[in-house]
Amino acid sequence: MRTALPFAALLALGLTACDHKDMATGAPLAGGAKAVAILHTATGVDAGRATATDVSGGVRYTLDVKGLPAGTHGAHVHMTGLCEAPGFTTAGSHWNPSNTKHGAMNPAGPHEGDLPNLVIGADGRGTVAVTIPGATVVGMLDADGAAIVIHAAADDLMTDPSGNSGARIACGVFAAS
């Protein structure tokens, strides 16, 4: 029993240290920039919102979407803050200031516009949150802005330049908030 108490104390101390480290990574920055995008479908229907927040070490993106087809969909930050229907091609290519290849599974990637796939349930709703290291909201909101785009198909996380994620089905322009 004597060894159990010191072991428990060390375990608790170790867990506390892990929690502290996790809190520091991705912690919101005092005075950090934030941007919000309201997503719409090609017919103008509200499809949810995305937020981008400066955090320690990068940008945290949070997507909360609704009214989209069930399944797995690519989600990307695109380099131009323009979402003209029906195809949303005015949003341009993926945001890629470091000029890397597309996809988390690509040895020469990913770039800052790559987000994880978004899973939409049978109710048309889905959420995803991720921190992209090295990115900044100010960098994203350059002279021509940025957009968030949801694609019709899953991103294969490898194929350059877009992950074979198909047509653009929802889009929103980021605006500083």
N, C-alpha and C. Protein backbone atom coordinates (compact mmCIF):
# COMPACT_ATOMS: atom_id res chain seq x y z
N MET A 1 0.80 -1.20 0.00
CA MET A 1 0.00 0.00 0.00
C MET A 1 0.84 1.26 0.00
N ARG A 2 2.00 1.21 0.61
CA ARG A 2 2.85 2.40 0.67
C ARG A 2 3.26 2.84 -0.73
N THR A 3 3.49 1.90 -1.63
CA THR A 3 3.89 2.29 -2.99
C THR A 3 2.72 2.78 -3.81
N ALA A 4 1.51 2.42 -3.44
CA ALA A 4 0.34 2.83 -4.22
C ALA A 4 0.10 4.33 -4.11
N LEU A 5 0.24 4.89 -2.93
CA LEU A 5 -0.01 6.32 -2.76
C LEU A 5 0.98 7.17 -3.54
N PRO A 6 2.31 6.94 -3.43
CA PRO A 6 3.22 7.73 -4.24
C PRO A 6 2.98 7.54 -5.74
N PHE A 7 2.67 6.31 -6.17
CA PHE A 7 2.40 6.06 -7.59
C PHE A 7 1.17 6.86 -8.03
N ALA A 8 0.12 6.86 -7.22
CA ALA A 8 -1.09 7.61 -7.56
C ALA A 8 -0.79 9.10 -7.64
N ALA A 9 0.03 9.60 -6.72
CA ALA A 9 0.38 11.02 -6.73
C ALA A 9 1.17 11.36 -7.99
N LEU A 10 2.13 10.51 -8.37
CA LEU A 10 2.90 10.74 -9.59
C LEU A 10 2.01 10.67 -10.83
N LEU A 11 1.08 9.73 -10.84
CA LEU A 11 0.16 9.61 -11.97
C LEU A 11 -0.69 10.88 -12.09
N ALA A 12 -1.20 11.36 -10.97
CA ALA A 12 -2.01 12.59 -10.99
C ALA A 12 -1.17 13.78 -11.46
N LEU A 13 0.07 13.86 -11.01
CA LEU A 13 0.95 14.95 -11.43
C LEU A 13 1.21 14.85 -12.93
N GLY A 14 1.45 13.64 -13.42
CA GLY A 14 1.68 13.44 -14.84
C GLY A 14 0.48 13.82 -15.68
N LEU A 15 -0.70 13.45 -15.23
CA LEU A 15 -1.91 13.82 -15.97
C LEU A 15 -2.13 15.31 -15.96
N THR A 16 -1.83 15.97 -14.85
CA THR A 16 -1.95 17.42 -14.77
C THR A 16 -1.00 18.07 -15.75
N ALA A 17 0.23 17.56 -15.86
CA ALA A 17 1.19 18.13 -16.79
C ALA A 17 0.71 17.95 -18.22
N CYS A 18 0.11 16.80 -18.53
CA CYS A 18 -0.42 16.59 -19.89
C CYS A 18 -1.55 17.57 -20.17
N ASP A 19 -2.43 17.75 -19.21
CA ASP A 19 -3.54 18.69 -19.40
C ASP A 19 -3.01 20.09 -19.63
N HIS A 20 -2.01 20.50 -18.90
CA HIS A 20 -1.45 21.84 -19.05
C HIS A 20 -0.86 22.01 -20.44
N LYS A 21 -0.14 21.01 -20.92
CA LYS A 21 0.45 21.08 -22.25
C LYS A 21 -0.64 21.19 -23.30
N ASP A 22 -1.69 20.36 -23.20
CA ASP A 22 -2.78 20.40 -24.17
C ASP A 22 -3.48 21.75 -24.16
N MET A 23 -3.59 22.36 -23.02
CA MET A 23 -4.24 23.66 -22.93
C MET A 23 -3.41 24.72 -23.63
N ALA A 24 -2.09 24.62 -23.58
CA ALA A 24 -1.24 25.62 -24.21
C ALA A 24 -1.28 25.52 -25.73
N THR A 25 -1.37 24.31 -26.27
CA THR A 25 -1.44 24.12 -27.71
C THR A 25 -2.87 24.38 -28.16
N GLY A 26 -3.01 25.35 -29.05
CA GLY A 26 -4.33 25.66 -29.55
C GLY A 26 -5.15 26.57 -28.65
N ALA A 27 -4.52 27.10 -27.60
CA ALA A 27 -5.23 28.01 -26.70
C ALA A 27 -5.52 29.32 -27.43
N PRO A 28 -6.71 29.88 -27.24
CA PRO A 28 -7.02 31.17 -27.87
C PRO A 28 -6.01 32.23 -27.47
N LEU A 29 -5.68 33.11 -28.40
CA LEU A 29 -4.73 34.18 -28.15
C LEU A 29 -5.47 35.43 -27.73
N ALA A 30 -5.00 36.06 -26.66
CA ALA A 30 -5.59 37.33 -26.24
C ALA A 30 -5.42 38.33 -27.38
N GLY A 31 -6.50 38.92 -27.83
CA GLY A 31 -6.45 39.89 -28.92
C GLY A 31 -6.25 39.25 -30.29
N GLY A 32 -6.33 37.93 -30.37
CA GLY A 32 -6.17 37.24 -31.65
C GLY A 32 -7.32 37.53 -32.59
N ALA A 33 -7.05 37.43 -33.87
CA ALA A 33 -8.06 37.71 -34.88
C ALA A 33 -9.06 36.58 -34.98
N LYS A 34 -10.26 36.93 -35.46
CA LYS A 34 -11.33 35.95 -35.66
C LYS A 34 -12.09 36.35 -36.92
N ALA A 35 -12.56 35.35 -37.66
CA ALA A 35 -13.37 35.60 -38.85
C ALA A 35 -14.50 34.59 -38.88
N VAL A 36 -15.62 35.01 -39.46
CA VAL A 36 -16.81 34.16 -39.56
C VAL A 36 -17.28 34.16 -41.01
N ALA A 37 -17.73 32.99 -41.47
CA ALA A 37 -18.32 32.86 -42.80
C ALA A 37 -19.68 32.20 -42.66
N ILE A 38 -20.69 32.77 -43.29
CA ILE A 38 -22.02 32.17 -43.35
C ILE A 38 -22.10 31.42 -44.68
N LEU A 39 -22.32 30.11 -44.58
CA LEU A 39 -22.37 29.27 -45.77
C LEU A 39 -23.76 29.29 -46.41
N HIS A 40 -23.78 29.23 -47.75
CA HIS A 40 -25.01 29.15 -48.53
C HIS A 40 -24.84 28.12 -49.63
N THR A 41 -25.95 27.50 -50.00
CA THR A 41 -25.95 26.60 -51.15
C THR A 41 -26.05 27.43 -52.42
N ALA A 42 -25.97 26.78 -53.57
CA ALA A 42 -26.06 27.47 -54.86
C ALA A 42 -27.41 28.16 -55.04
N THR A 43 -28.46 27.69 -54.35
CA THR A 43 -29.78 28.32 -54.45
C THR A 43 -29.98 29.39 -53.38
N GLY A 44 -28.95 29.66 -52.58
CA GLY A 44 -29.02 30.72 -51.58
C GLY A 44 -29.52 30.29 -50.22
N VAL A 45 -29.76 29.00 -50.02
CA VAL A 45 -30.25 28.50 -48.74
C VAL A 45 -29.11 28.52 -47.71
N ASP A 46 -29.42 28.98 -46.51
CA ASP A 46 -28.45 29.00 -45.41
C ASP A 46 -27.99 27.58 -45.13
N ALA A 47 -26.65 27.37 -45.11
CA ALA A 47 -26.09 26.05 -44.88
C ALA A 47 -25.18 26.01 -43.66
N GLY A 48 -25.28 27.01 -42.78
CA GLY A 48 -24.50 26.99 -41.56
C GLY A 48 -23.43 28.06 -41.52
N ARG A 49 -22.40 27.81 -40.67
CA ARG A 49 -21.36 28.82 -40.51
C ARG A 49 -20.02 28.17 -40.21
N ALA A 50 -18.98 28.93 -40.48
CA ALA A 50 -17.61 28.52 -40.17
C ALA A 50 -16.95 29.67 -39.43
N THR A 51 -16.12 29.33 -38.46
CA THR A 51 -15.34 30.35 -37.76
C THR A 51 -13.86 29.99 -37.88
N ALA A 52 -13.05 31.02 -37.93
CA ALA A 52 -11.59 30.87 -37.93
C ALA A 52 -11.08 31.76 -36.79
N THR A 53 -10.31 31.18 -35.88
CA THR A 53 -9.84 31.90 -34.70
C THR A 53 -8.35 31.67 -34.53
N ASP A 54 -7.58 32.75 -34.37
CA ASP A 54 -6.17 32.61 -34.06
C ASP A 54 -6.01 31.95 -32.70
N VAL A 55 -5.22 30.90 -32.66
CA VAL A 55 -4.90 30.19 -31.42
C VAL A 55 -3.39 29.99 -31.38
N SER A 56 -2.91 29.56 -30.26
CA SER A 56 -1.49 29.29 -30.12
C SER A 56 -1.04 28.28 -31.17
N GLY A 57 -0.15 28.69 -32.04
CA GLY A 57 0.41 27.78 -33.04
C GLY A 57 -0.33 27.70 -34.35
N GLY A 58 -1.46 28.40 -34.53
CA GLY A 58 -2.17 28.32 -35.80
C GLY A 58 -3.55 28.92 -35.76
N VAL A 59 -4.43 28.38 -36.59
CA VAL A 59 -5.82 28.84 -36.68
C VAL A 59 -6.73 27.65 -36.40
N ARG A 60 -7.71 27.84 -35.53
CA ARG A 60 -8.73 26.82 -35.28
C ARG A 60 -9.94 27.14 -36.16
N TYR A 61 -10.30 26.17 -36.99
CA TYR A 61 -11.50 26.28 -37.82
C TYR A 61 -12.58 25.42 -37.19
N THR A 62 -13.79 25.97 -37.13
CA THR A 62 -14.94 25.22 -36.64
C THR A 62 -16.06 25.40 -37.67
N LEU A 63 -16.57 24.28 -38.16
CA LEU A 63 -17.67 24.31 -39.11
C LEU A 63 -18.88 23.66 -38.47
N ASP A 64 -20.02 24.30 -38.62
CA ASP A 64 -21.30 23.77 -38.15
C ASP A 64 -22.27 23.97 -39.30
N VAL A 65 -22.55 22.88 -40.03
CA VAL A 65 -23.34 23.00 -41.25
C VAL A 65 -24.70 22.30 -41.10
N LYS A 66 -25.61 22.71 -41.96
CA LYS A 66 -26.96 22.15 -41.94
C LYS A 66 -27.52 22.15 -43.35
N GLY A 67 -28.50 21.26 -43.56
CA GLY A 67 -29.21 21.23 -44.83
C GLY A 67 -28.41 20.71 -46.01
N LEU A 68 -27.34 19.97 -45.76
CA LEU A 68 -26.54 19.43 -46.85
C LEU A 68 -26.76 17.93 -46.97
N PRO A 69 -26.44 17.35 -48.12
CA PRO A 69 -26.66 15.91 -48.32
C PRO A 69 -25.84 15.06 -47.35
N ALA A 70 -26.44 13.99 -46.87
CA ALA A 70 -25.74 13.07 -45.97
C ALA A 70 -24.54 12.47 -46.68
N GLY A 71 -23.49 12.22 -45.91
CA GLY A 71 -22.28 11.60 -46.45
C GLY A 71 -21.04 12.35 -46.03
N THR A 72 -19.93 11.98 -46.64
CA THR A 72 -18.64 12.58 -46.33
C THR A 72 -18.28 13.58 -47.42
N HIS A 73 -17.88 14.78 -47.00
CA HIS A 73 -17.64 15.88 -47.92
C HIS A 73 -16.30 16.54 -47.62
N GLY A 74 -15.58 16.91 -48.68
CA GLY A 74 -14.38 17.71 -48.53
C GLY A 74 -14.75 19.11 -48.06
N ALA A 75 -13.90 19.67 -47.22
CA ALA A 75 -14.08 21.05 -46.74
C ALA A 75 -12.72 21.73 -46.84
N HIS A 76 -12.69 22.89 -47.47
CA HIS A 76 -11.42 23.57 -47.69
C HIS A 76 -11.58 25.08 -47.56
N VAL A 77 -10.50 25.73 -47.13
CA VAL A 77 -10.41 27.18 -47.19
C VAL A 77 -9.89 27.50 -48.59
N HIS A 78 -10.61 28.37 -49.29
CA HIS A 78 -10.21 28.78 -50.64
C HIS A 78 -9.66 30.20 -50.60
N MET A 79 -8.82 30.52 -51.58
CA MET A 79 -8.00 31.72 -51.51
C MET A 79 -8.68 33.04 -51.86
N THR A 80 -9.90 33.03 -52.36
CA THR A 80 -10.57 34.27 -52.74
C THR A 80 -11.90 34.38 -52.02
N GLY A 81 -12.16 35.51 -51.44
CA GLY A 81 -13.40 35.74 -50.71
C GLY A 81 -14.54 36.13 -51.62
N LEU A 82 -14.95 35.21 -52.47
CA LEU A 82 -16.04 35.45 -53.40
C LEU A 82 -16.75 34.13 -53.64
N CYS A 83 -18.07 34.13 -53.46
CA CYS A 83 -18.86 32.90 -53.59
C CYS A 83 -20.02 33.12 -54.55
N GLU A 84 -19.75 33.13 -55.83
CA GLU A 84 -20.80 33.31 -56.82
C GLU A 84 -21.35 31.96 -57.25
N ALA A 85 -22.68 31.82 -57.10
CA ALA A 85 -23.36 30.59 -57.51
C ALA A 85 -23.47 30.58 -59.03
N PRO A 86 -23.64 29.42 -59.65
CA PRO A 86 -23.95 28.18 -58.99
C PRO A 86 -22.73 27.35 -58.61
N GLY A 87 -21.57 27.55 -59.25
CA GLY A 87 -20.44 26.64 -59.05
C GLY A 87 -19.42 27.09 -58.02
N PHE A 88 -19.53 28.31 -57.53
CA PHE A 88 -18.61 28.87 -56.53
C PHE A 88 -17.16 28.83 -56.98
N THR A 89 -16.92 28.81 -58.30
CA THR A 89 -15.54 28.79 -58.80
C THR A 89 -14.81 30.10 -58.53
N THR A 90 -15.56 31.16 -58.26
CA THR A 90 -14.95 32.45 -57.96
C THR A 90 -14.16 32.42 -56.65
N ALA A 91 -14.35 31.40 -55.84
CA ALA A 91 -13.57 31.26 -54.59
C ALA A 91 -12.12 30.86 -54.89
N GLY A 92 -11.83 30.49 -56.12
CA GLY A 92 -10.47 30.16 -56.52
C GLY A 92 -10.02 28.81 -55.99
N SER A 93 -8.72 28.63 -55.98
CA SER A 93 -8.10 27.40 -55.51
C SER A 93 -8.01 27.38 -53.99
N HIS A 94 -7.54 26.27 -53.46
CA HIS A 94 -7.34 26.17 -52.01
C HIS A 94 -6.30 27.18 -51.55
N TRP A 95 -6.50 27.70 -50.34
CA TRP A 95 -5.53 28.63 -49.75
C TRP A 95 -4.24 27.85 -49.51
N ASN A 96 -3.15 28.33 -50.10
CA ASN A 96 -1.90 27.58 -50.07
C ASN A 96 -0.70 28.53 -50.06
N PRO A 97 -0.57 29.36 -49.01
CA PRO A 97 0.53 30.33 -49.00
C PRO A 97 1.91 29.71 -48.93
N SER A 98 2.04 28.49 -48.47
CA SER A 98 3.35 27.85 -48.38
C SER A 98 3.69 27.03 -49.63
N ASN A 99 2.78 27.04 -50.62
CA ASN A 99 3.00 26.38 -51.91
C ASN A 99 3.36 24.90 -51.76
N THR A 100 2.57 24.19 -50.95
CA THR A 100 2.76 22.76 -50.77
C THR A 100 1.72 22.00 -51.58
N LYS A 101 1.77 20.71 -51.55
CA LYS A 101 0.80 19.87 -52.25
C LYS A 101 -0.43 19.65 -51.37
N HIS A 102 -1.49 19.18 -52.00
CA HIS A 102 -2.75 18.97 -51.29
C HIS A 102 -2.74 17.68 -50.48
N GLY A 103 -3.30 17.75 -49.29
CA GLY A 103 -3.66 16.57 -48.55
C GLY A 103 -2.76 16.17 -47.40
N ALA A 104 -3.41 15.79 -46.31
CA ALA A 104 -2.71 15.33 -45.12
C ALA A 104 -1.98 14.01 -45.36
N MET A 105 -2.40 13.22 -46.34
CA MET A 105 -1.76 11.95 -46.65
C MET A 105 -0.68 12.10 -47.72
N ASN A 106 -0.54 13.29 -48.27
CA ASN A 106 0.45 13.56 -49.30
C ASN A 106 1.79 13.89 -48.63
N PRO A 107 2.87 13.20 -48.97
CA PRO A 107 4.16 13.48 -48.32
C PRO A 107 4.65 14.91 -48.54
N ALA A 108 4.16 15.58 -49.58
CA ALA A 108 4.56 16.96 -49.85
C ALA A 108 3.48 17.95 -49.40
N GLY A 109 2.56 17.51 -48.57
CA GLY A 109 1.47 18.36 -48.11
C GLY A 109 1.40 18.33 -46.60
N PRO A 110 0.39 18.84 -46.03
CA PRO A 110 -0.75 19.52 -46.63
C PRO A 110 -0.51 21.02 -46.75
N HIS A 111 -1.48 21.72 -47.32
CA HIS A 111 -1.40 23.17 -47.30
C HIS A 111 -2.42 23.72 -46.32
N GLU A 112 -2.35 25.02 -46.08
CA GLU A 112 -3.16 25.65 -45.03
C GLU A 112 -4.66 25.59 -45.29
N GLY A 113 -5.07 25.38 -46.53
CA GLY A 113 -6.49 25.31 -46.84
C GLY A 113 -7.11 23.94 -46.64
N ASP A 114 -6.28 22.95 -46.35
CA ASP A 114 -6.78 21.58 -46.17
C ASP A 114 -7.41 21.39 -44.80
N LEU A 115 -8.66 21.00 -44.79
CA LEU A 115 -9.37 20.69 -43.56
C LEU A 115 -9.78 19.22 -43.61
N PRO A 116 -10.10 18.63 -42.48
CA PRO A 116 -10.56 17.23 -42.50
C PRO A 116 -11.91 17.11 -43.22
N ASN A 117 -12.22 15.91 -43.65
CA ASN A 117 -13.54 15.67 -44.24
C ASN A 117 -14.63 15.97 -43.23
N LEU A 118 -15.74 16.44 -43.73
CA LEU A 118 -16.91 16.78 -42.94
C LEU A 118 -17.94 15.67 -43.14
N VAL A 119 -18.40 15.07 -42.07
CA VAL A 119 -19.40 14.01 -42.16
C VAL A 119 -20.77 14.60 -41.84
N ILE A 120 -21.68 14.49 -42.80
CA ILE A 120 -23.04 15.01 -42.66
C ILE A 120 -23.96 13.83 -42.37
N GLY A 121 -24.74 13.94 -41.31
CA GLY A 121 -25.66 12.89 -40.92
C GLY A 121 -26.93 12.90 -41.75
N ALA A 122 -27.79 11.93 -41.50
CA ALA A 122 -29.07 11.82 -42.20
C ALA A 122 -29.95 13.05 -41.98
N ASP A 123 -29.71 13.77 -40.87
CA ASP A 123 -30.48 14.98 -40.58
C ASP A 123 -29.94 16.22 -41.31
N GLY A 124 -28.88 16.05 -42.14
CA GLY A 124 -28.32 17.15 -42.90
C GLY A 124 -27.34 18.00 -42.12
N ARG A 125 -26.99 17.59 -40.91
CA ARG A 125 -26.10 18.38 -40.06
C ARG A 125 -24.75 17.70 -39.91
N GLY A 126 -23.72 18.54 -39.71
CA GLY A 126 -22.38 18.03 -39.45
C GLY A 126 -21.51 19.11 -38.85
N THR A 127 -20.52 18.68 -38.09
CA THR A 127 -19.56 19.63 -37.50
C THR A 127 -18.16 19.05 -37.62
N VAL A 128 -17.21 19.94 -37.67
CA VAL A 128 -15.80 19.56 -37.63
C VAL A 128 -15.04 20.74 -37.04
N ALA A 129 -13.99 20.42 -36.27
CA ALA A 129 -13.11 21.45 -35.72
C ALA A 129 -11.69 20.94 -35.84
N VAL A 130 -10.79 21.83 -36.23
CA VAL A 130 -9.39 21.46 -36.43
C VAL A 130 -8.53 22.70 -36.26
N THR A 131 -7.31 22.51 -35.79
CA THR A 131 -6.33 23.58 -35.75
C THR A 131 -5.30 23.32 -36.83
N ILE A 132 -5.09 24.32 -37.69
CA ILE A 132 -4.11 24.22 -38.77
C ILE A 132 -2.85 24.95 -38.32
N PRO A 133 -1.77 24.21 -38.11
CA PRO A 133 -0.53 24.83 -37.62
C PRO A 133 0.05 25.83 -38.61
N GLY A 134 0.59 26.92 -38.07
CA GLY A 134 1.29 27.90 -38.87
C GLY A 134 0.42 28.91 -39.58
N ALA A 135 -0.87 28.69 -39.65
CA ALA A 135 -1.77 29.61 -40.33
C ALA A 135 -2.13 30.78 -39.41
N THR A 136 -2.55 31.89 -40.01
CA THR A 136 -3.06 33.03 -39.24
C THR A 136 -4.31 33.56 -39.93
N VAL A 137 -5.22 34.11 -39.15
CA VAL A 137 -6.42 34.70 -39.73
C VAL A 137 -6.05 35.89 -40.61
N VAL A 138 -5.11 36.72 -40.16
CA VAL A 138 -4.69 37.88 -40.96
C VAL A 138 -4.11 37.43 -42.29
N GLY A 139 -3.31 36.35 -42.28
CA GLY A 139 -2.77 35.82 -43.53
C GLY A 139 -3.85 35.31 -44.45
N MET A 140 -4.87 34.69 -43.88
CA MET A 140 -5.99 34.17 -44.66
C MET A 140 -6.79 35.31 -45.27
N LEU A 141 -7.00 36.37 -44.50
CA LEU A 141 -7.80 37.51 -44.97
C LEU A 141 -6.92 38.55 -45.65
N ASP A 142 -6.20 38.12 -46.68
CA ASP A 142 -5.35 39.04 -47.43
C ASP A 142 -6.21 39.98 -48.28
N ALA A 143 -5.64 40.65 -49.25
CA ALA A 143 -6.34 41.68 -50.02
C ALA A 143 -7.62 41.18 -50.69
N ASP A 144 -7.65 39.92 -51.14
CA ASP A 144 -8.87 39.42 -51.80
C ASP A 144 -9.67 38.47 -50.92
N GLY A 145 -9.35 38.40 -49.63
CA GLY A 145 -10.13 37.62 -48.69
C GLY A 145 -9.96 36.13 -48.83
N ALA A 146 -10.92 35.39 -48.29
CA ALA A 146 -10.90 33.93 -48.32
C ALA A 146 -12.33 33.42 -48.17
N ALA A 147 -12.53 32.18 -48.58
CA ALA A 147 -13.85 31.56 -48.49
C ALA A 147 -13.69 30.14 -47.93
N ILE A 148 -14.78 29.63 -47.40
CA ILE A 148 -14.85 28.22 -46.99
C ILE A 148 -15.77 27.54 -47.99
N VAL A 149 -15.36 26.38 -48.48
CA VAL A 149 -16.14 25.66 -49.48
C VAL A 149 -16.36 24.23 -49.01
N ILE A 150 -17.59 23.76 -49.15
CA ILE A 150 -17.94 22.36 -48.91
C ILE A 150 -18.14 21.72 -50.27
N HIS A 151 -17.53 20.55 -50.46
CA HIS A 151 -17.58 19.84 -51.74
C HIS A 151 -18.59 18.69 -51.70
N ALA A 152 -18.98 18.21 -52.88
CA ALA A 152 -19.99 17.16 -53.00
C ALA A 152 -19.50 15.79 -52.53
N ALA A 153 -18.21 15.53 -52.64
CA ALA A 153 -17.67 14.21 -52.32
C ALA A 153 -16.59 14.31 -51.26
N ALA A 154 -16.17 13.17 -50.76
CA ALA A 154 -15.09 13.10 -49.78
C ALA A 154 -13.78 13.51 -50.43
N ASP A 155 -12.91 14.13 -49.64
CA ASP A 155 -11.56 14.46 -50.04
C ASP A 155 -10.72 13.21 -49.80
N ASP A 156 -9.94 12.79 -50.82
CA ASP A 156 -9.09 11.61 -50.63
C ASP A 156 -7.82 11.93 -49.83
N LEU A 157 -7.65 13.19 -49.44
CA LEU A 157 -6.55 13.67 -48.60
C LEU A 157 -5.17 13.49 -49.24
N MET A 158 -5.14 13.34 -50.58
CA MET A 158 -3.85 13.09 -51.21
C MET A 158 -3.70 13.71 -52.59
N THR A 159 -4.72 13.61 -53.42
CA THR A 159 -4.60 14.02 -54.81
C THR A 159 -4.51 15.54 -54.93
N ASP A 160 -3.46 15.99 -55.59
CA ASP A 160 -3.25 17.42 -55.78
C ASP A 160 -3.96 17.83 -57.07
N PRO A 161 -4.68 18.94 -57.13
CA PRO A 161 -4.72 20.00 -56.14
C PRO A 161 -5.94 20.00 -55.21
N SER A 162 -6.94 19.11 -55.43
CA SER A 162 -8.18 19.27 -54.67
C SER A 162 -8.68 18.03 -53.96
N GLY A 163 -7.97 16.92 -54.01
CA GLY A 163 -8.39 15.72 -53.31
C GLY A 163 -9.54 14.99 -53.96
N ASN A 164 -9.81 15.29 -55.24
CA ASN A 164 -10.92 14.65 -55.96
C ASN A 164 -12.24 14.77 -55.21
N SER A 165 -12.47 15.92 -54.61
CA SER A 165 -13.64 16.09 -53.77
C SER A 165 -14.88 16.60 -54.51
N GLY A 166 -14.79 16.75 -55.81
CA GLY A 166 -15.97 17.04 -56.60
C GLY A 166 -16.44 18.48 -56.58
N ALA A 167 -17.70 18.64 -57.00
CA ALA A 167 -18.32 19.96 -57.15
C ALA A 167 -18.40 20.69 -55.82
N ARG A 168 -18.52 21.98 -55.92
CA ARG A 168 -18.65 22.84 -54.74
C ARG A 168 -20.14 23.03 -54.47
N ILE A 169 -20.60 22.60 -53.29
CA ILE A 169 -22.04 22.62 -53.01
C ILE A 169 -22.46 23.69 -52.00
N ALA A 170 -21.51 24.26 -51.27
CA ALA A 170 -21.82 25.35 -50.34
C ALA A 170 -20.57 26.21 -50.20
N CYS A 171 -20.79 27.49 -49.95
CA CYS A 171 -19.67 28.43 -49.88
C CYS A 171 -20.02 29.58 -48.96
N GLY A 172 -19.02 30.10 -48.28
CA GLY A 172 -19.20 31.27 -47.43
C GLY A 172 -17.93 32.10 -47.43
N VAL A 173 -18.09 33.42 -47.43
CA VAL A 173 -16.96 34.35 -47.41
C VAL A 173 -16.61 34.69 -45.99
N PHE A 174 -15.34 34.56 -45.63
CA PHE A 174 -14.89 34.94 -44.29
C PHE A 174 -14.84 36.46 -44.16
N ALA A 175 -15.35 36.94 -43.05
CA ALA A 175 -15.28 38.36 -42.72
C ALA A 175 -14.77 38.49 -41.29
N ALA A 176 -13.85 39.41 -41.08
CA ALA A 176 -13.30 39.63 -39.74
C ALA A 176 -14.43 39.97 -38.79
N SER A 177 -14.34 39.45 -37.56
CA SER A 177 -15.39 39.77 -36.58
C SER A 177 -14.76 40.21 -35.29
